[in-house]
Amino acid sequence: MAGQQRADSIERRSGVSLWRQIADQVLHSIAAGDFAENAALPPEVALAERYGVNRHTVRSAIAALVQEGVLRAEQGRGTFVLSRKRLSYPIGARTRFSTGLQGQTSERHIVLLASAIEPASQRVAEGLGLAKGTEVIRLETRGEADGRPVSRAASWYEAKRFAGIDAVMTETGSITASLKRFGIDDYLRQSTVLSARHADATDLAALNLQPGAIVLVAVAVNVTPDGRPIQFSETRFPAERVELKLSAL
C-alpha cells in the first residue's frame, strides 16, 4: 500500500471504533489511487501488524467494506478491490440524478420508498415559499446506480399543486419525468447547502452501510425558470461511494 498508514494513526480513545477507523483508512487509500481495481488487499495478518490491532478487528473492517460494496472476498484467494473510484455527482444549475452519473454508470434509477401528506415544517415551508402547516407531499426515495444505492432523499412538494406525484414517481422512476407530468419542463437549482455527518440508522439500512459511515448531506431548493419554488429536498450520499462536484449555480 503506497503511503502506508502507521499504527499510531489509529486513535484508541477517539470514540470511533478501531475497525471503523481501519475501514476508513482503507477507503482513503483506495480513493487516493493506492490500489488499482481488482487489486488484492494485503493479508489480514499484515494489516493487523500495520495498524497495531488483532486480526479480528481487521476482519470486522474488511467485512464492513465487503457489505458496502467496496471490496470482494474470495475464499482461499483473499480480498480484492471492487472499484477504486468514487462516483462524481455534479451539483449545478440543473442537477439531475439520471444525467449526473451518465458516463460513469451503465444503469441508474430512483426507487420510491415511502410517501406521505403532512403539514409543512418551518424549514420546508420557507424553502417552498408556503405558510407553515400547508399540506405538502413528502417522497422518500433511493437512487441506485449499477445495482448499488448511492443516495437517499426526502423531498417535499406542495400537495395541492402536485397531487398524485407519488403515483407518478412510482410509474416513471424519475423526478424530472414526474414533474413534466405537472407541466414543468425545466427547473433550476436555487440553492444548495452541504454538510457531512455520521449515517443514522435509516441511512445505514437504506444505503447498505455499516455504523460509523459518513454521509454527505445536500439540502436544496429547486425552482421553475421564473423563480417559483417547486421542490425542497435533503439528500444523503455515502461518502465512500460518491463525491460532490460543485459548479456555478
Protein backbone atom coordinates (compact mmCIF):
# COMPACT_ATOMS: atom_id res chain seq x y z
CA MET A 1 0.00 0.00 0.00
CA ALA A 2 1.53 3.27 -1.08
CA GLY A 3 1.82 5.89 1.66
CA GLN A 4 1.43 3.29 4.42
CA GLN A 5 -0.55 4.26 7.49
CA ARG A 6 1.26 3.93 10.83
CA ALA A 7 -0.22 2.18 13.84
CA ASP A 8 -0.29 5.50 15.74
CA SER A 9 -2.77 6.84 13.18
CA ILE A 10 -5.37 4.65 14.93
CA GLU A 11 -6.78 6.54 17.93
CA ARG A 12 -7.91 4.19 20.67
CA ARG A 13 -9.92 6.71 22.69
CA SER A 14 -11.42 8.74 19.86
CA GLY A 15 -14.99 7.49 20.27
CA VAL A 16 -14.81 5.81 16.85
CA SER A 17 -14.38 2.03 16.87
CA LEU A 18 -11.00 0.69 15.75
CA TRP A 19 -12.48 -1.39 12.93
CA ARG A 20 -14.27 1.69 11.55
CA GLN A 21 -11.06 3.71 11.63
CA ILE A 22 -9.25 0.96 9.73
CA ALA A 23 -12.10 0.73 7.20
CA ASP A 24 -11.93 4.49 6.67
CA GLN A 25 -8.16 4.38 6.13
CA VAL A 26 -8.51 1.58 3.59
CA LEU A 27 -11.17 3.69 1.84
CA HIS A 28 -8.80 6.66 1.84
CA SER A 29 -6.04 4.55 0.28
CA ILE A 30 -8.40 3.30 -2.42
CA ALA A 31 -9.65 6.83 -3.19
CA ALA A 32 -6.05 8.07 -3.33
CA GLY A 33 -5.26 5.53 -6.03
CA ASP A 34 -3.07 3.26 -3.92
CA PHE A 35 -4.97 0.26 -5.31
CA ALA A 36 -5.99 -0.50 -8.86
CA GLU A 37 -9.38 -2.02 -9.49
CA ASN A 38 -9.31 -5.77 -8.70
CA ALA A 39 -6.03 -5.37 -6.78
CA ALA A 40 -5.54 -7.67 -3.79
CA LEU A 41 -5.62 -6.22 -0.30
CA PRO A 42 -2.69 -7.20 1.96
CA PRO A 43 -3.38 -10.29 4.14
CA GLU A 44 -5.21 -9.81 7.44
CA VAL A 45 -2.09 -10.55 9.46
CA ALA A 46 -0.13 -7.85 7.61
CA LEU A 47 -2.91 -5.29 8.12
CA ALA A 48 -3.19 -6.22 11.79
CA GLU A 49 0.53 -5.60 12.25
CA ARG A 50 0.41 -2.35 10.30
CA TYR A 51 -2.42 -0.90 12.39
CA GLY A 52 -1.37 -2.44 15.71
CA VAL A 53 -4.61 -4.38 16.24
CA ASN A 54 -5.69 -8.03 16.31
CA ARG A 55 -6.87 -9.91 13.24
CA HIS A 56 -10.49 -9.92 14.45
CA THR A 57 -10.55 -6.10 14.28
CA VAL A 58 -9.14 -6.15 10.75
CA ARG A 59 -11.64 -8.82 9.78
CA SER A 60 -14.51 -6.62 11.00
CA ALA A 61 -13.23 -3.70 8.91
CA ILE A 62 -12.96 -5.87 5.79
CA ALA A 63 -16.41 -7.38 6.35
CA ALA A 64 -17.90 -3.89 6.54
CA LEU A 65 -16.27 -2.83 3.28
CA VAL A 66 -17.42 -6.02 1.59
CA GLN A 67 -21.00 -5.28 2.66
CA GLU A 68 -20.67 -1.69 1.49
CA GLY A 69 -19.60 -2.90 -1.96
CA VAL A 70 -16.03 -1.59 -1.85
CA LEU A 71 -14.25 -4.96 -1.55
CA ARG A 72 -14.99 -8.54 -2.50
CA ALA A 73 -13.77 -11.56 -0.57
CA GLU A 74 -12.89 -14.82 -2.33
CA GLN A 75 -12.43 -17.84 -0.11
CA GLY A 76 -8.92 -19.20 -0.39
CA ARG A 77 -7.71 -16.30 -2.55
CA GLY A 78 -8.04 -13.15 -0.47
CA THR A 79 -9.81 -9.79 -0.59
CA PHE A 80 -9.91 -7.60 -3.70
CA VAL A 81 -10.83 -4.01 -4.54
CA LEU A 82 -14.08 -3.79 -6.50
CA SER A 83 -13.70 -0.19 -7.55
CA ARG A 84 -11.08 2.41 -6.72
CA LYS A 85 -13.03 5.43 -7.90
CA ARG A 86 -15.94 7.18 -6.25
CA LEU A 87 -18.74 8.43 -8.44
CA SER A 88 -18.59 12.17 -9.09
CA TYR A 89 -22.02 13.77 -8.72
CA PRO A 90 -22.24 17.31 -10.13
CA ILE A 91 -24.27 19.96 -8.32
CA GLY A 92 -25.05 22.93 -10.51
CA ALA A 93 -27.86 24.92 -12.06
CA ARG A 94 -29.53 21.80 -13.48
CA THR A 95 -28.83 18.92 -11.12
CA ARG A 96 -30.40 15.67 -12.34
CA PHE A 97 -29.76 12.18 -10.96
CA SER A 98 -30.12 10.40 -14.32
CA THR A 99 -27.71 12.64 -16.21
CA GLY A 100 -25.37 13.48 -13.32
CA LEU A 101 -23.93 9.97 -13.31
CA GLN A 102 -24.07 9.44 -17.06
CA GLY A 103 -20.83 8.08 -18.44
CA GLN A 104 -19.84 6.70 -15.02
CA THR A 105 -22.52 4.02 -14.67
CA SER A 106 -24.49 1.94 -17.13
CA GLU A 107 -27.79 1.84 -15.24
CA ARG A 108 -29.44 4.43 -12.98
CA HIS A 109 -32.89 4.73 -11.45
CA ILE A 110 -34.75 6.09 -8.43
CA VAL A 111 -36.91 3.91 -6.18
CA LEU A 112 -39.81 5.37 -4.19
CA LEU A 113 -39.51 4.02 -0.64
CA ALA A 114 -42.40 5.85 1.02
CA SER A 115 -44.69 8.86 0.67
CA ALA A 116 -46.97 10.87 2.93
CA ILE A 117 -49.07 14.01 3.08
CA GLU A 118 -48.12 16.16 6.06
CA PRO A 119 -48.15 19.77 7.28
CA ALA A 120 -45.09 21.71 6.18
CA SER A 121 -42.49 22.27 8.89
CA GLN A 122 -40.94 25.69 9.24
CA ARG A 123 -37.91 24.89 7.09
CA VAL A 124 -39.95 23.12 4.39
CA ALA A 125 -42.43 25.99 4.29
CA GLU A 126 -39.64 28.54 3.96
CA GLY A 127 -38.00 26.51 1.20
CA LEU A 128 -41.23 26.24 -0.80
CA GLY A 129 -42.47 29.77 -0.08
CA LEU A 130 -45.55 28.46 1.73
CA ALA A 131 -47.19 29.17 5.05
CA LYS A 132 -46.14 26.86 7.85
CA GLY A 133 -48.59 23.97 8.14
CA THR A 134 -49.61 23.99 4.47
CA GLU A 135 -50.14 20.45 3.25
CA VAL A 136 -47.14 19.04 1.40
CA ILE A 137 -46.31 15.66 -0.10
CA ARG A 138 -43.11 14.05 1.17
CA LEU A 139 -41.37 11.48 -1.04
CA GLU A 140 -38.67 9.20 0.39
CA THR A 141 -36.50 7.87 -2.43
CA ARG A 142 -33.29 5.94 -3.03
CA GLY A 143 -31.04 6.49 -6.03
CA GLU A 144 -29.37 3.37 -7.38
CA ALA A 145 -26.55 3.04 -9.92
CA ASP A 146 -25.46 -0.32 -11.32
CA GLY A 147 -27.36 -2.05 -8.53
CA ARG A 148 -25.77 -0.07 -5.69
CA PRO A 149 -27.53 2.54 -3.53
CA VAL A 150 -25.81 5.90 -4.00
CA SER A 151 -28.29 8.34 -2.48
CA ARG A 152 -31.25 8.58 -0.16
CA ALA A 153 -33.51 11.61 -0.30
CA ALA A 154 -36.56 13.19 1.28
CA SER A 155 -38.26 15.76 -0.95
CA TRP A 156 -41.33 17.89 -0.40
CA TYR A 157 -43.87 19.35 -2.85
CA GLU A 158 -46.98 21.48 -2.37
CA ALA A 159 -49.79 18.92 -2.06
CA LYS A 160 -52.41 21.00 -3.88
CA ARG A 161 -50.23 21.58 -6.92
CA PHE A 162 -48.63 18.13 -7.10
CA ALA A 163 -51.46 15.83 -6.01
CA GLY A 164 -50.62 12.27 -7.07
CA ILE A 165 -46.91 12.84 -7.66
CA ASP A 166 -46.15 9.75 -5.56
CA ALA A 167 -48.05 7.52 -8.02
CA VAL A 168 -46.37 9.23 -10.97
CA MET A 169 -42.98 8.75 -9.33
CA THR A 170 -43.67 5.04 -8.89
CA GLU A 171 -44.52 4.81 -12.58
CA THR A 172 -41.66 6.86 -14.01
CA GLY A 173 -38.83 6.27 -11.53
CA SER A 174 -37.68 9.82 -12.24
CA ILE A 175 -38.23 13.17 -10.51
CA THR A 176 -37.71 15.05 -13.80
CA ALA A 177 -40.18 12.86 -15.69
CA SER A 178 -42.68 13.16 -12.84
CA LEU A 179 -42.50 16.96 -12.82
CA LYS A 180 -43.10 17.01 -16.57
CA ARG A 181 -46.49 15.38 -15.92
CA PHE A 182 -47.35 18.52 -13.97
CA GLY A 183 -46.31 20.87 -16.77
CA ILE A 184 -42.79 21.58 -15.54
CA ASP A 185 -40.41 21.04 -18.45
CA ASP A 186 -37.42 22.67 -16.80
CA TYR A 187 -36.30 23.64 -13.31
CA LEU A 188 -33.22 25.18 -11.76
CA ARG A 189 -31.27 24.81 -8.54
CA GLN A 190 -31.83 27.96 -6.49
CA SER A 191 -29.69 26.97 -3.51
CA THR A 192 -27.68 24.09 -2.04
CA VAL A 193 -26.31 23.76 1.49
CA LEU A 194 -23.75 20.99 2.01
CA SER A 195 -22.66 19.26 5.22
CA ALA A 196 -21.39 15.87 6.41
CA ARG A 197 -22.32 13.65 9.34
CA HIS A 198 -22.35 10.07 10.51
CA ALA A 199 -25.09 7.99 8.93
CA ASP A 200 -28.13 7.44 11.13
CA ALA A 201 -29.96 4.12 11.45
CA THR A 202 -32.22 4.84 8.48
CA ASP A 203 -29.26 5.78 6.28
CA LEU A 204 -27.43 2.60 7.29
CA ALA A 205 -30.36 0.43 6.24
CA ALA A 206 -31.31 2.28 3.05
CA LEU A 207 -27.75 2.74 1.77
CA ASN A 208 -26.34 -0.61 2.95
CA LEU A 209 -23.73 0.99 5.22
CA GLN A 210 -22.03 -0.01 8.43
CA PRO A 211 -22.10 2.01 11.70
CA GLY A 212 -19.68 4.93 11.63
CA ALA A 213 -20.03 5.56 7.89
CA ILE A 214 -20.11 9.18 6.75
CA VAL A 215 -22.84 10.64 4.55
CA LEU A 216 -22.67 13.90 2.59
CA VAL A 217 -25.86 15.90 3.01
CA ALA A 218 -27.22 18.30 0.38
CA VAL A 219 -30.22 20.47 1.31
CA ALA A 220 -31.60 22.11 -1.81
CA VAL A 221 -34.39 24.21 -3.28
CA ASN A 222 -35.39 23.80 -6.92
CA VAL A 223 -37.43 26.44 -8.76
CA THR A 224 -39.09 26.95 -12.12
CA PRO A 225 -37.26 29.24 -14.59
CA ASP A 226 -39.45 32.15 -13.39
CA GLY A 227 -38.28 31.55 -9.79
CA ARG A 228 -41.25 29.71 -8.26
CA PRO A 229 -40.15 27.06 -5.72
CA ILE A 230 -41.35 23.56 -6.55
CA GLN A 231 -39.16 21.20 -4.50
CA PHE A 232 -37.37 21.27 -1.17
CA SER A 233 -35.09 18.28 -0.59
CA GLU A 234 -32.50 16.74 1.68
CA THR A 235 -30.28 14.12 0.01
CA ARG A 236 -27.70 11.88 1.70
CA PHE A 237 -24.82 10.39 -0.29
CA PRO A 238 -22.46 7.69 1.10
CA ALA A 239 -19.06 9.40 1.20
CA GLU A 240 -17.14 6.26 0.27
CA ARG A 241 -19.11 5.89 -2.98
CA VAL A 242 -19.87 9.45 -4.06
CA GLU A 243 -18.07 12.78 -4.18
CA LEU A 244 -19.97 16.01 -4.82
CA LYS A 245 -18.64 18.26 -7.55
CA LEU A 246 -19.80 21.87 -7.33
CA SER A 247 -20.25 24.11 -10.34
CA ALA A 248 -21.63 27.61 -10.63
CA LEU A 249 -25.33 27.78 -9.86
